[in-house]
């Protein structure tokens, strides 16, 4: 969660994969809720239709949810942080560097998130 939070704050591309449309929507909305009171001003699509998968190649930051049926189409994306909600993994490519929060704030954030 902290990697995704920091990736969103530092304007990286974030892609959620799941076989459940409800899980995709909930995860995208939860990430935006964690950023409150900040407002995410880039592309935000909780469920991307299959006809628009080429949007994933855009050079701008985004938070997008895609059904896991299309996971093979997302494998060639080199600069996208991919969160697999079904498998519980977050894949950060080697070319993407995500800066975490500074230390006193990082520990406080971990404690606050563990209470949820």
PDB file of N, CA and C in Angstrom:
ATOM      1  N   UNK A   1       0.832  -1.192   0.000  1.00  0.00           N
ATOM      2  CA  UNK A   1       0.000   0.000   0.000  1.00  0.00           C
ATOM      3  C   UNK A   1       0.874   1.251   0.000  1.00  0.00           C
ATOM      4  N   UNK A   2       1.962   1.208   0.768  1.00  0.00           N
ATOM      5  CA  UNK A   2       2.845   2.377   0.806  1.00  0.00           C
ATOM      6  C   UNK A   2       3.534   2.618  -0.537  1.00  0.00           C
ATOM      7  N   UNK A   3       3.922   1.548  -1.225  1.00  0.00           N
ATOM      8  CA  UNK A   3       4.519   1.720  -2.553  1.00  0.00           C
ATOM      9  C   UNK A   3       3.526   2.376  -3.498  1.00  0.00           C
ATOM     10  N   UNK A   4       2.276   1.925  -3.483  1.00  0.00           N
ATOM     11  CA  UNK A   4       1.258   2.502  -4.356  1.00  0.00           C
ATOM     12  C   UNK A   4       0.969   3.947  -3.981  1.00  0.00           C
ATOM     13  N   UNK A   5       0.898   4.227  -2.693  1.00  0.00           N
ATOM     14  CA  UNK A   5       0.658   5.578  -2.212  1.00  0.00           C
ATOM     15  C   UNK A   5       1.777   6.514  -2.665  1.00  0.00           C
ATOM     16  N   UNK A   6       3.011   6.096  -2.459  1.00  0.00           N
ATOM     17  CA  UNK A   6       4.157   6.927  -2.854  1.00  0.00           C
ATOM     18  C   UNK A   6       4.259   7.053  -4.371  1.00  0.00           C
ATOM     19  N   UNK A   7       3.902   5.996  -5.096  1.00  0.00           N
ATOM     20  CA  UNK A   7       3.909   6.064  -6.560  1.00  0.00           C
ATOM     21  C   UNK A   7       2.872   7.073  -7.057  1.00  0.00           C
ATOM     22  N   UNK A   8       1.718   7.104  -6.434  1.00  0.00           N
ATOM     23  CA  UNK A   8       0.691   8.069  -6.822  1.00  0.00           C
ATOM     24  C   UNK A   8       1.128   9.498  -6.501  1.00  0.00           C
ATOM     25  N   UNK A   9       1.753   9.690  -5.347  1.00  0.00           N
ATOM     26  CA  UNK A   9       2.201  11.026  -4.964  1.00  0.00           C
ATOM     27  C   UNK A   9       3.325  11.536  -5.857  1.00  0.00           C
ATOM     28  N   UNK A  10       4.144  10.627  -6.373  1.00  0.00           N
ATOM     29  CA  UNK A  10       5.270  11.030  -7.219  1.00  0.00           C
ATOM     30  C   UNK A  10       4.953  10.892  -8.702  1.00  0.00           C
ATOM     31  N   UNK A  11       3.670  10.813  -9.030  1.00  0.00           N
ATOM     32  CA  UNK A  11       3.178  10.853 -10.403  1.00  0.00           C
ATOM     33  C   UNK A  11       3.706   9.727 -11.283  1.00  0.00           C
ATOM     34  N   UNK A  12       3.585   8.505 -10.810  1.00  0.00           N
ATOM     35  CA  UNK A  12       3.917   7.330 -11.611  1.00  0.00           C
ATOM     36  C   UNK A  12       2.636   6.718 -12.176  1.00  0.00           C
ATOM     37  N   UNK A  13       2.817   5.836 -13.138  1.00  0.00           N
ATOM     38  CA  UNK A  13       1.683   5.122 -13.728  1.00  0.00           C
ATOM     39  C   UNK A  13       1.371   3.915 -12.857  1.00  0.00           C
ATOM     40  N   UNK A  14       0.101   3.768 -12.467  1.00  0.00           N
ATOM     41  CA  UNK A  14      -0.317   2.674 -11.594  1.00  0.00           C
ATOM     42  C   UNK A  14      -1.444   1.912 -12.274  1.00  0.00           C
ATOM     43  N   UNK A  15      -1.262   0.601 -12.371  1.00  0.00           N
ATOM     44  CA  UNK A  15      -2.251  -0.260 -13.008  1.00  0.00           C
ATOM     45  C   UNK A  15      -2.689  -1.328 -12.014  1.00  0.00           C
ATOM     46  N   UNK A  16      -3.990  -1.431 -11.792  1.00  0.00           N
ATOM     47  CA  UNK A  16      -4.556  -2.480 -10.951  1.00  0.00           C
ATOM     48  C   UNK A  16      -5.103  -3.582 -11.855  1.00  0.00           C
ATOM     49  N   UNK A  17      -4.811  -4.834 -11.517  1.00  0.00           N
ATOM     50  CA  UNK A  17      -5.335  -5.994 -12.235  1.00  0.00           C
ATOM     51  C   UNK A  17      -6.167  -6.828 -11.284  1.00  0.00           C
ATOM     52  N   UNK A  18      -7.347  -7.266 -11.727  1.00  0.00           N
ATOM     53  CA  UNK A  18      -8.178  -8.152 -10.922  1.00  0.00           C
ATOM     54  C   UNK A  18      -9.244  -8.787 -11.804  1.00  0.00           C
ATOM     55  N   UNK A  19      -9.732  -9.932 -11.366  1.00  0.00           N
ATOM     56  CA  UNK A  19     -10.839 -10.581 -12.068  1.00  0.00           C
ATOM     57  C   UNK A  19     -12.187 -10.069 -11.567  1.00  0.00           C
ATOM     58  N   UNK A  20     -12.168  -9.201 -10.562  1.00  0.00           N
ATOM     59  CA  UNK A  20     -13.384  -8.647  -9.983  1.00  0.00           C
ATOM     60  C   UNK A  20     -13.457  -7.149 -10.270  1.00  0.00           C
ATOM     61  N   UNK A  21     -14.519  -6.741 -10.943  1.00  0.00           N
ATOM     62  CA  UNK A  21     -14.698  -5.314 -11.222  1.00  0.00           C
ATOM     63  C   UNK A  21     -14.908  -4.525  -9.928  1.00  0.00           C
ATOM     64  N   UNK A  22     -15.575  -5.116  -8.966  1.00  0.00           N
ATOM     65  CA  UNK A  22     -15.789  -4.446  -7.680  1.00  0.00           C
ATOM     66  C   UNK A  22     -14.460  -4.205  -6.972  1.00  0.00           C
ATOM     67  N   UNK A  23     -13.569  -5.193  -7.001  1.00  0.00           N
ATOM     68  CA  UNK A  23     -12.259  -5.056  -6.364  1.00  0.00           C
ATOM     69  C   UNK A  23     -11.433  -3.973  -7.056  1.00  0.00           C
ATOM     70  N   UNK A  24     -11.515  -3.891  -8.387  1.00  0.00           N
ATOM     71  CA  UNK A  24     -10.795  -2.848  -9.120  1.00  0.00           C
ATOM     72  C   UNK A  24     -11.274  -1.462  -8.697  1.00  0.00           C
ATOM     73  N   UNK A  25     -12.573  -1.290  -8.661  1.00  0.00           N
ATOM     74  CA  UNK A  25     -13.138   0.003  -8.276  1.00  0.00           C
ATOM     75  C   UNK A  25     -12.775   0.361  -6.841  1.00  0.00           C
ATOM     76  N   UNK A  26     -12.900  -0.600  -5.946  1.00  0.00           N
ATOM     77  CA  UNK A  26     -12.588  -0.338  -4.538  1.00  0.00           C
ATOM     78  C   UNK A  26     -11.119   0.026  -4.344  1.00  0.00           C
ATOM     79  N   UNK A  27     -10.219  -0.659  -5.037  1.00  0.00           N
ATOM     80  CA  UNK A  27      -8.788  -0.384  -4.884  1.00  0.00           C
ATOM     81  C   UNK A  27      -8.431   0.990  -5.427  1.00  0.00           C
ATOM     82  N   UNK A  28      -8.974   1.349  -6.576  1.00  0.00           N
ATOM     83  CA  UNK A  28      -8.704   2.669  -7.151  1.00  0.00           C
ATOM     84  C   UNK A  28      -9.238   3.778  -6.251  1.00  0.00           C
ATOM     85  N   UNK A  29     -10.444   3.592  -5.755  1.00  0.00           N
ATOM     86  CA  UNK A  29     -11.037   4.611  -4.877  1.00  0.00           C
ATOM     87  C   UNK A  29     -10.295   4.699  -3.545  1.00  0.00           C
ATOM     88  N   UNK A  30      -9.823   3.567  -3.038  1.00  0.00           N
ATOM     89  CA  UNK A  30      -9.087   3.568  -1.778  1.00  0.00           C
ATOM     90  C   UNK A  30      -7.773   4.328  -1.911  1.00  0.00           C
ATOM     91  N   UNK A  31      -7.085   4.156  -3.043  1.00  0.00           N
ATOM     92  CA  UNK A  31      -5.835   4.882  -3.243  1.00  0.00           C
ATOM     93  C   UNK A  31      -6.084   6.392  -3.288  1.00  0.00           C
ATOM     94  N   UNK A  32      -7.142   6.799  -3.947  1.00  0.00           N
ATOM     95  CA  UNK A  32      -7.471   8.227  -3.960  1.00  0.00           C
ATOM     96  C   UNK A  32      -7.868   8.729  -2.574  1.00  0.00           C
ATOM     97  N   UNK A  33      -8.556   7.894  -1.823  1.00  0.00           N
ATOM     98  CA  UNK A  33      -8.963   8.286  -0.465  1.00  0.00           C
ATOM     99  C   UNK A  33      -7.753   8.459   0.447  1.00  0.00           C
ATOM    100  N   UNK A  34      -6.725   7.622   0.247  1.00  0.00           N
ATOM    101  CA  UNK A  34      -5.508   7.757   1.057  1.00  0.00           C
ATOM    102  C   UNK A  34      -4.802   9.077   0.789  1.00  0.00           C
ATOM    103  N   UNK A  35      -4.969   9.605  -0.402  1.00  0.00           N
ATOM    104  CA  UNK A  35      -4.305  10.849  -0.769  1.00  0.00           C
ATOM    105  C   UNK A  35      -5.020  12.093  -0.234  1.00  0.00           C
ATOM    106  N   UNK A  36      -6.242  11.939   0.267  1.00  0.00           N
ATOM    107  CA  UNK A  36      -7.007  13.073   0.768  1.00  0.00           C
ATOM    108  C   UNK A  36      -6.216  13.814   1.828  1.00  0.00           C
ATOM    109  N   UNK A  37      -6.156  15.100   1.825  1.00  0.00           N
ATOM    110  CA  UNK A  37      -6.904  16.123   1.113  1.00  0.00           C
ATOM    111  C   UNK A  37      -6.327  16.489  -0.256  1.00  0.00           C
ATOM    112  N   UNK A  38      -5.245  15.827  -0.678  1.00  0.00           N
ATOM    113  CA  UNK A  38      -4.724  16.091  -2.014  1.00  0.00           C
ATOM    114  C   UNK A  38      -5.675  15.528  -3.056  1.00  0.00           C
ATOM    115  N   UNK A  39      -5.678  16.135  -4.226  1.00  0.00           N
ATOM    116  CA  UNK A  39      -6.559  15.694  -5.297  1.00  0.00           C
ATOM    117  C   UNK A  39      -5.708  15.178  -6.451  1.00  0.00           C
ATOM    118  N   UNK A  40      -6.011  13.970  -6.920  1.00  0.00           N
ATOM    119  CA  UNK A  40      -5.289  13.380  -8.040  1.00  0.00           C
ATOM    120  C   UNK A  40      -5.780  14.046  -9.320  1.00  0.00           C
ATOM    121  N   UNK A  41      -4.865  14.665 -10.080  1.00  0.00           N
ATOM    122  CA  UNK A  41      -5.276  15.460 -11.241  1.00  0.00           C
ATOM    123  C   UNK A  41      -4.939  14.815 -12.581  1.00  0.00           C
ATOM    124  N   UNK A  42      -4.523  13.556 -12.574  1.00  0.00           N
ATOM    125  CA  UNK A  42      -4.188  12.881 -13.823  1.00  0.00           C
ATOM    126  C   UNK A  42      -5.292  11.899 -14.195  1.00  0.00           C
ATOM    127  N   UNK A  43      -5.025  11.075 -15.200  1.00  0.00           N
ATOM    128  CA  UNK A  43      -6.028  10.137 -15.695  1.00  0.00           C
ATOM    129  C   UNK A  43      -6.385   9.122 -14.621  1.00  0.00           C
ATOM    130  N   UNK A  44      -7.680   8.978 -14.386  1.00  0.00           N
ATOM    131  CA  UNK A  44      -8.199   8.044 -13.390  1.00  0.00           C
ATOM    132  C   UNK A  44      -9.355   7.277 -14.021  1.00  0.00           C
ATOM    133  N   UNK A  45      -9.150   5.970 -14.244  1.00  0.00           N
ATOM    134  CA  UNK A  45     -10.176   5.119 -14.855  1.00  0.00           C
ATOM    135  C   UNK A  45     -10.248   3.828 -14.034  1.00  0.00           C
ATOM    136  N   UNK A  46     -11.233   3.685 -13.154  1.00  0.00           N
ATOM    137  CA  UNK A  46     -11.300   2.484 -12.308  1.00  0.00           C
ATOM    138  C   UNK A  46     -11.462   1.182 -13.095  1.00  0.00           C
ATOM    139  N   UNK A  47     -12.199   1.233 -14.211  1.00  0.00           N
ATOM    140  CA  UNK A  47     -12.382   0.040 -15.046  1.00  0.00           C
ATOM    141  C   UNK A  47     -12.196   0.472 -16.498  1.00  0.00           C
ATOM    142  N   UNK A  48     -11.078   0.053 -17.083  1.00  0.00           N
ATOM    143  CA  UNK A  48     -10.787   0.413 -18.458  1.00  0.00           C
ATOM    144  C   UNK A  48     -11.394  -0.615 -19.406  1.00  0.00           C
ATOM    145  N   UNK A  49     -12.216  -0.187 -20.369  1.00  0.00           N
ATOM    146  CA  UNK A  49     -12.781  -1.124 -21.338  1.00  0.00           C
ATOM    147  C   UNK A  49     -11.695  -1.713 -22.240  1.00  0.00           C
ATOM    148  N   UNK A  50     -11.930  -2.898 -22.756  1.00  0.00           N
ATOM    149  CA  UNK A  50     -10.953  -3.599 -23.587  1.00  0.00           C
ATOM    150  C   UNK A  50     -10.594  -2.802 -24.836  1.00  0.00           C
ATOM    151  N   UNK A  51     -11.539  -2.059 -25.378  1.00  0.00           N
ATOM    152  CA  UNK A  51     -11.290  -1.301 -26.599  1.00  0.00           C
ATOM    153  C   UNK A  51     -10.302  -0.153 -26.388  1.00  0.00           C
ATOM    154  N   UNK A  52     -10.052   0.221 -25.143  1.00  0.00           N
ATOM    155  CA  UNK A  52      -9.182   1.365 -24.850  1.00  0.00           C
ATOM    156  C   UNK A  52      -7.850   0.969 -24.217  1.00  0.00           C
ATOM    157  N   UNK A  53      -7.431  -0.283 -24.374  1.00  0.00           N
ATOM    158  CA  UNK A  53      -6.187  -0.730 -23.755  1.00  0.00           C
ATOM    159  C   UNK A  53      -4.958   0.036 -24.238  1.00  0.00           C
ATOM    160  N   UNK A  54      -5.025   0.662 -25.417  1.00  0.00           N
ATOM    161  CA  UNK A  54      -3.886   1.440 -25.903  1.00  0.00           C
ATOM    162  C   UNK A  54      -3.625   2.669 -25.041  1.00  0.00           C
ATOM    163  N   UNK A  55      -4.579   3.048 -24.205  1.00  0.00           N
ATOM    164  CA  UNK A  55      -4.386   4.169 -23.277  1.00  0.00           C
ATOM    165  C   UNK A  55      -3.252   3.865 -22.292  1.00  0.00           C
ATOM    166  N   UNK A  56      -2.973   2.599 -22.045  1.00  0.00           N
ATOM    167  CA  UNK A  56      -1.916   2.221 -21.104  1.00  0.00           C
ATOM    168  C   UNK A  56      -0.533   2.638 -21.596  1.00  0.00           C
ATOM    169  N   UNK A  57      -0.399   2.964 -22.872  1.00  0.00           N
ATOM    170  CA  UNK A  57       0.886   3.394 -23.432  1.00  0.00           C
ATOM    171  C   UNK A  57       1.076   4.903 -23.377  1.00  0.00           C
ATOM    172  N   UNK A  58       0.150   5.613 -22.804  1.00  0.00           N
ATOM    173  CA  UNK A  58       0.239   7.064 -22.718  1.00  0.00           C
ATOM    174  C   UNK A  58       1.441   7.486 -21.869  1.00  0.00           C
ATOM    175  N   UNK A  59       2.053   8.623 -22.181  1.00  0.00           N
ATOM    176  CA  UNK A  59       3.219   9.064 -21.398  1.00  0.00           C
ATOM    177  C   UNK A  59       2.861   9.770 -20.095  1.00  0.00           C
ATOM    178  N   UNK A  60       1.592  10.009 -19.841  1.00  0.00           N
ATOM    179  CA  UNK A  60       1.193  10.732 -18.631  1.00  0.00           C
ATOM    180  C   UNK A  60       0.888   9.760 -17.486  1.00  0.00           C
ATOM    181  N   UNK A  61       0.992  10.223 -16.240  1.00  0.00           N
ATOM    182  CA  UNK A  61       0.654   9.368 -15.092  1.00  0.00           C
ATOM    183  C   UNK A  61      -0.821   8.993 -15.113  1.00  0.00           C
ATOM    184  N   UNK A  62      -1.130   7.841 -14.505  1.00  0.00           N
ATOM    185  CA  UNK A  62      -2.521   7.409 -14.425  1.00  0.00           C
ATOM    186  C   UNK A  62      -2.713   6.428 -13.285  1.00  0.00           C
ATOM    187  N   UNK A  63      -3.972   6.261 -12.910  1.00  0.00           N
ATOM    188  CA  UNK A  63      -4.426   5.170 -12.049  1.00  0.00           C
ATOM    189  C   UNK A  63      -5.547   4.507 -12.831  1.00  0.00           C
ATOM    190  N   UNK A  64      -5.304   3.267 -13.258  1.00  0.00           N
ATOM    191  CA  UNK A  64      -6.244   2.569 -14.123  1.00  0.00           C
ATOM    192  C   UNK A  64      -6.444   1.149 -13.607  1.00  0.00           C
ATOM    193  N   UNK A  65      -7.669   0.667 -13.687  1.00  0.00           N
ATOM    194  CA  UNK A  65      -7.993  -0.714 -13.357  1.00  0.00           C
ATOM    195  C   UNK A  65      -8.316  -1.493 -14.627  1.00  0.00           C
ATOM    196  N   UNK A  66      -7.758  -2.687 -14.759  1.00  0.00           N
ATOM    197  CA  UNK A  66      -7.959  -3.532 -15.937  1.00  0.00           C
ATOM    198  C   UNK A  66      -8.307  -4.940 -15.467  1.00  0.00           C
ATOM    199  N   UNK A  67      -9.271  -5.557 -16.133  1.00  0.00           N
ATOM    200  CA  UNK A  67      -9.634  -6.939 -15.819  1.00  0.00           C
ATOM    201  C   UNK A  67      -8.441  -7.847 -16.094  1.00  0.00           C
ATOM    202  N   UNK A  68      -8.249  -8.858 -15.262  1.00  0.00           N
ATOM    203  CA  UNK A  68      -7.077  -9.721 -15.373  1.00  0.00           C
ATOM    204  C   UNK A  68      -7.062 -10.575 -16.641  1.00  0.00           C
ATOM    205  N   UNK A  69      -8.157 -10.634 -17.382  1.00  0.00           N
ATOM    206  CA  UNK A  69      -8.163 -11.319 -18.678  1.00  0.00           C
ATOM    207  C   UNK A  69      -7.127 -10.691 -19.608  1.00  0.00           C
ATOM    208  N   UNK A  70      -6.897  -9.400 -19.460  1.00  0.00           N
ATOM    209  CA  UNK A  70      -5.988  -8.666 -20.332  1.00  0.00           C
ATOM    210  C   UNK A  70      -4.583  -8.540 -19.749  1.00  0.00           C
ATOM    211  N   UNK A  71      -4.219  -9.398 -18.824  1.00  0.00           N
ATOM    212  CA  UNK A  71      -2.906  -9.336 -18.183  1.00  0.00           C
ATOM    213  C   UNK A  71      -1.780  -9.522 -19.203  1.00  0.00           C
ATOM    214  N   UNK A  72      -1.981 -10.365 -20.203  1.00  0.00           N
ATOM    215  CA  UNK A  72      -0.928 -10.577 -21.197  1.00  0.00           C
ATOM    216  C   UNK A  72      -0.638  -9.303 -21.988  1.00  0.00           C
ATOM    217  N   UNK A  73      -1.639  -8.455 -22.197  1.00  0.00           N
ATOM    218  CA  UNK A  73      -1.432  -7.196 -22.907  1.00  0.00           C
ATOM    219  C   UNK A  73      -0.671  -6.178 -22.060  1.00  0.00           C
ATOM    220  N   UNK A  74      -0.618  -6.379 -20.757  1.00  0.00           N
ATOM    221  CA  UNK A  74       0.054  -5.426 -19.877  1.00  0.00           C
ATOM    222  C   UNK A  74       1.497  -5.824 -19.578  1.00  0.00           C
ATOM    223  N   UNK A  75       1.932  -6.978 -20.023  1.00  0.00           N
ATOM    224  CA  UNK A  75       3.276  -7.455 -19.696  1.00  0.00           C
ATOM    225  C   UNK A  75       4.377  -6.636 -20.357  1.00  0.00           C
ATOM    226  N   UNK A  76       4.106  -6.039 -21.521  1.00  0.00           N
ATOM    227  CA  UNK A  76       5.144  -5.282 -22.226  1.00  0.00           C
ATOM    228  C   UNK A  76       5.276  -3.843 -21.737  1.00  0.00           C
ATOM    229  N   UNK A  77       4.475  -3.434 -20.780  1.00  0.00           N
ATOM    230  CA  UNK A  77       4.557  -2.082 -20.232  1.00  0.00           C
ATOM    231  C   UNK A  77       5.769  -1.990 -19.311  1.00  0.00           C
ATOM    232  N   UNK A  78       6.714  -1.118 -19.642  1.00  0.00           N
ATOM    233  CA  UNK A  78       7.977  -1.069 -18.914  1.00  0.00           C
ATOM    234  C   UNK A  78       8.008  -0.062 -17.777  1.00  0.00           C
ATOM    235  N   UNK A  79       7.152   0.942 -17.817  1.00  0.00           N
ATOM    236  CA  UNK A  79       7.221   2.011 -16.822  1.00  0.00           C
ATOM    237  C   UNK A  79       5.953   2.114 -15.981  1.00  0.00           C
ATOM    238  N   UNK A  80       5.280   0.985 -15.773  1.00  0.00           N
ATOM    239  CA  UNK A  80       4.010   0.968 -15.057  1.00  0.00           C
ATOM    240  C   UNK A  80       4.128   0.099 -13.811  1.00  0.00           C
ATOM    241  N   UNK A  81       3.708   0.631 -12.683  1.00  0.00           N
ATOM    242  CA  UNK A  81       3.629  -0.141 -11.444  1.00  0.00           C
ATOM    243  C   UNK A  81       2.339  -0.954 -11.514  1.00  0.00           C
ATOM    244  N   UNK A  82       2.465  -2.285 -11.443  1.00  0.00           N
ATOM    245  CA  UNK A  82       1.302  -3.157 -11.592  1.00  0.00           C
ATOM    246  C   UNK A  82       0.979  -3.819 -10.261  1.00  0.00           C
ATOM    247  N   UNK A  83      -0.256  -3.593  -9.797  1.00  0.00           N
ATOM    248  CA  UNK A  83      -0.735  -4.209  -8.556  1.00  0.00           C
ATOM    249  C   UNK A  83      -1.729  -5.301  -8.928  1.00  0.00           C
ATOM    250  N   UNK A  84      -1.360  -6.547  -8.678  1.00  0.00           N
ATOM    251  CA  UNK A  84      -2.244  -7.688  -8.927  1.00  0.00           C
ATOM    252  C   UNK A  84      -3.077  -7.904  -7.669  1.00  0.00           C
ATOM    253  N   UNK A  85      -4.335  -7.535  -7.721  1.00  0.00           N
ATOM    254  CA  UNK A  85      -5.195  -7.620  -6.545  1.00  0.00           C
ATOM    255  C   UNK A  85      -5.594  -9.048  -6.225  1.00  0.00           C
ATOM    256  N   UNK A  86      -5.619  -9.921  -7.221  1.00  0.00           N
ATOM    257  CA  UNK A  86      -5.964 -11.323  -6.978  1.00  0.00           C
ATOM    258  C   UNK A  86      -4.801 -12.066  -6.328  1.00  0.00           C
ATOM    259  N   UNK A  87      -3.578 -11.762  -6.764  1.00  0.00           N
ATOM    260  CA  UNK A  87      -2.398 -12.437  -6.226  1.00  0.00           C
ATOM    261  C   UNK A  87      -1.773 -11.727  -5.047  1.00  0.00           C
ATOM    262  N   UNK A  88      -2.168 -10.471  -4.827  1.00  0.00           N
ATOM    263  CA  UNK A  88      -1.635  -9.715  -3.696  1.00  0.00           C
ATOM    264  C   UNK A  88      -0.202  -9.264  -3.898  1.00  0.00           C
ATOM    265  N   UNK A  89       0.201  -8.985  -5.149  1.00  0.00           N
ATOM    266  CA  UNK A  89       1.572  -8.565  -5.418  1.00  0.00           C
ATOM    267  C   UNK A  89       1.592  -7.189  -6.075  1.00  0.00           C
ATOM    268  N   UNK A  90       2.701  -6.501  -5.878  1.00  0.00           N
ATOM    269  CA  UNK A  90       2.949  -5.226  -6.545  1.00  0.00           C
ATOM    270  C   UNK A  90       4.265  -5.361  -7.289  1.00  0.00           C
ATOM    271  N   UNK A  91       4.221  -5.162  -8.609  1.00  0.00           N
ATOM    272  CA  UNK A  91       5.414  -5.278  -9.436  1.00  0.00           C
ATOM    273  C   UNK A  91       5.901  -3.881  -9.809  1.00  0.00           C
ATOM    274  N   UNK A  92       7.090  -3.533  -9.344  1.00  0.00           N
ATOM    275  CA  UNK A  92       7.701  -2.248  -9.663  1.00  0.00           C
ATOM    276  C   UNK A  92       8.840  -2.529 -10.638  1.00  0.00           C
ATOM    277  N   UNK A  93       8.736  -2.064 -11.889  1.00  0.00           N
ATOM    278  CA  UNK A  93       9.806  -2.314 -12.867  1.00  0.00           C
ATOM    279  C   UNK A  93      11.128  -1.693 -12.436  1.00  0.00           C
ATOM    280  N   UNK A  94      12.219  -2.232 -12.975  1.00  0.00           N
ATOM    281  CA  UNK A  94      13.550  -1.751 -12.607  1.00  0.00           C
ATOM    282  C   UNK A  94      13.774  -0.295 -12.980  1.00  0.00           C
ATOM    283  N   UNK A  95      13.147   0.157 -14.061  1.00  0.00           N
ATOM    284  CA  UNK A  95      13.368   1.535 -14.513  1.00  0.00           C
ATOM    285  C   UNK A  95      12.572   2.561 -13.705  1.00  0.00           C
ATOM    286  N   UNK A  96      11.708   2.094 -12.813  1.00  0.00           N
ATOM    287  CA  UNK A  96      10.896   2.994 -12.001  1.00  0.00           C
ATOM    288  C   UNK A  96      11.486   3.078 -10.599  1.00  0.00           C
ATOM    289  N   UNK A  97      11.772   4.286 -10.161  1.00  0.00           N
ATOM    290  CA  UNK A  97      12.285   4.496  -8.804  1.00  0.00           C
ATOM    291  C   UNK A  97      11.218   5.226  -7.993  1.00  0.00           C
ATOM    292  N   UNK A  98      10.748   4.571  -6.946  1.00  0.00           N
ATOM    293  CA  UNK A  98       9.724   5.164  -6.088  1.00  0.00           C
ATOM    294  C   UNK A  98      10.375   5.573  -4.774  1.00  0.00           C
ATOM    295  N   UNK A  99      10.318   6.848  -4.487  1.00  0.00           N
ATOM    296  CA  UNK A  99      10.864   7.354  -3.226  1.00  0.00           C
ATOM    297  C   UNK A  99       9.825   7.166  -2.136  1.00  0.00           C
ATOM    298  N   UNK A 100      10.229   6.508  -1.066  1.00  0.00           N
ATOM    299  CA  UNK A 100       9.319   6.339   0.065  1.00  0.00           C
ATOM    300  C   UNK A 100       9.328   7.592   0.933  1.00  0.00           C
ATOM    301  N   UNK A 101       8.414   7.632   1.877  1.00  0.00           N
ATOM    302  CA  UNK A 101       8.323   8.763   2.793  1.00  0.00           C
ATOM    303  C   UNK A 101       9.569   8.838   3.663  1.00  0.00           C
ATOM    304  N   UNK A 102       9.941  10.023   4.151  1.00  0.00           N
ATOM    305  CA  UNK A 102      11.074  10.124   5.076  1.00  0.00           C
ATOM    306  C   UNK A 102      10.768   9.399   6.384  1.00  0.00           C
ATOM    307  N   UNK A 103      11.791   9.017   7.097  1.00  0.00           N
ATOM    308  CA  UNK A 103      11.666   8.030   8.168  1.00  0.00           C
ATOM    309  C   UNK A 103      10.693   8.319   9.303  1.00  0.00           C
ATOM    310  N   UNK A 104      10.657   9.393   9.982  1.00  0.00           N
ATOM    311  CA  UNK A 104       9.658   9.410  11.076  1.00  0.00           C
ATOM    312  C   UNK A 104       8.230   9.293  10.535  1.00  0.00           C
ATOM    313  N   UNK A 105       7.993   9.888   9.373  1.00  0.00           N
ATOM    314  CA  UNK A 105       6.665   9.840   8.776  1.00  0.00           C
ATOM    315  C   UNK A 105       6.333   8.445   8.237  1.00  0.00           C
ATOM    316  N   UNK A 106       7.337   7.735   7.726  1.00  0.00           N
ATOM    317  CA  UNK A 106       7.126   6.389   7.196  1.00  0.00           C
ATOM    318  C   UNK A 106       6.642   5.441   8.291  1.00  0.00           C
ATOM    319  N   UNK A 107       7.277   5.468   9.447  1.00  0.00           N
ATOM    320  CA  UNK A 107       6.883   4.590  10.549  1.00  0.00           C
ATOM    321  C   UNK A 107       5.494   4.948  11.079  1.00  0.00           C
ATOM    322  N   UNK A 108       5.187   6.222  11.171  1.00  0.00           N
ATOM    323  CA  UNK A 108       3.866   6.645  11.632  1.00  0.00           C
ATOM    324  C   UNK A 108       2.778   6.212  10.651  1.00  0.00           C
ATOM    325  N   UNK A 109       3.082   6.291   9.357  1.00  0.00           N
ATOM    326  CA  UNK A 109       2.125   5.884   8.340  1.00  0.00           C
ATOM    327  C   UNK A 109       1.893   4.380   8.392  1.00  0.00           C
ATOM    328  N   UNK A 110       2.959   3.602   8.570  1.00  0.00           N
ATOM    329  CA  UNK A 110       2.808   2.149   8.704  1.00  0.00           C
ATOM    330  C   UNK A 110       1.945   1.789   9.893  1.00  0.00           C
ATOM    331  N   UNK A 111       2.170   2.459  11.009  1.00  0.00           N
ATOM    332  CA  UNK A 111       1.357   2.178  12.198  1.00  0.00           C
ATOM    333  C   UNK A 111      -0.101   2.553  11.971  1.00  0.00           C
ATOM    334  N   UNK A 112      -0.341   3.684  11.325  1.00  0.00           N
ATOM    335  CA  UNK A 112      -1.712   4.105  11.071  1.00  0.00           C
ATOM    336  C   UNK A 112      -2.416   3.142  10.112  1.00  0.00           C
ATOM    337  N   UNK A 113      -1.714   2.688   9.085  1.00  0.00           N
ATOM    338  CA  UNK A 113      -2.316   1.749   8.139  1.00  0.00           C
ATOM    339  C   UNK A 113      -2.561   0.382   8.765  1.00  0.00           C
ATOM    340  N   UNK A 114      -1.716  -0.011   9.708  1.00  0.00           N
ATOM    341  CA  UNK A 114      -1.925  -1.317  10.361  1.00  0.00           C
ATOM    342  C   UNK A 114      -3.144  -1.312  11.272  1.00  0.00           C
ATOM    343  N   UNK A 115      -3.594  -0.130  11.658  1.00  0.00           N
ATOM    344  CA  UNK A 115      -4.778  -0.014  12.515  1.00  0.00           C
ATOM    345  C   UNK A 115      -6.069  -0.157  11.714  1.00  0.00           C
ATOM    346  N   UNK A 116      -5.975   0.017  10.378  1.00  0.00           N
ATOM    347  CA  UNK A 116      -7.180  -0.024   9.535  1.00  0.00           C
ATOM    348  C   UNK A 116      -7.630  -1.449   9.339  1.00  0.00           C
TER     349      UNK A 116
END
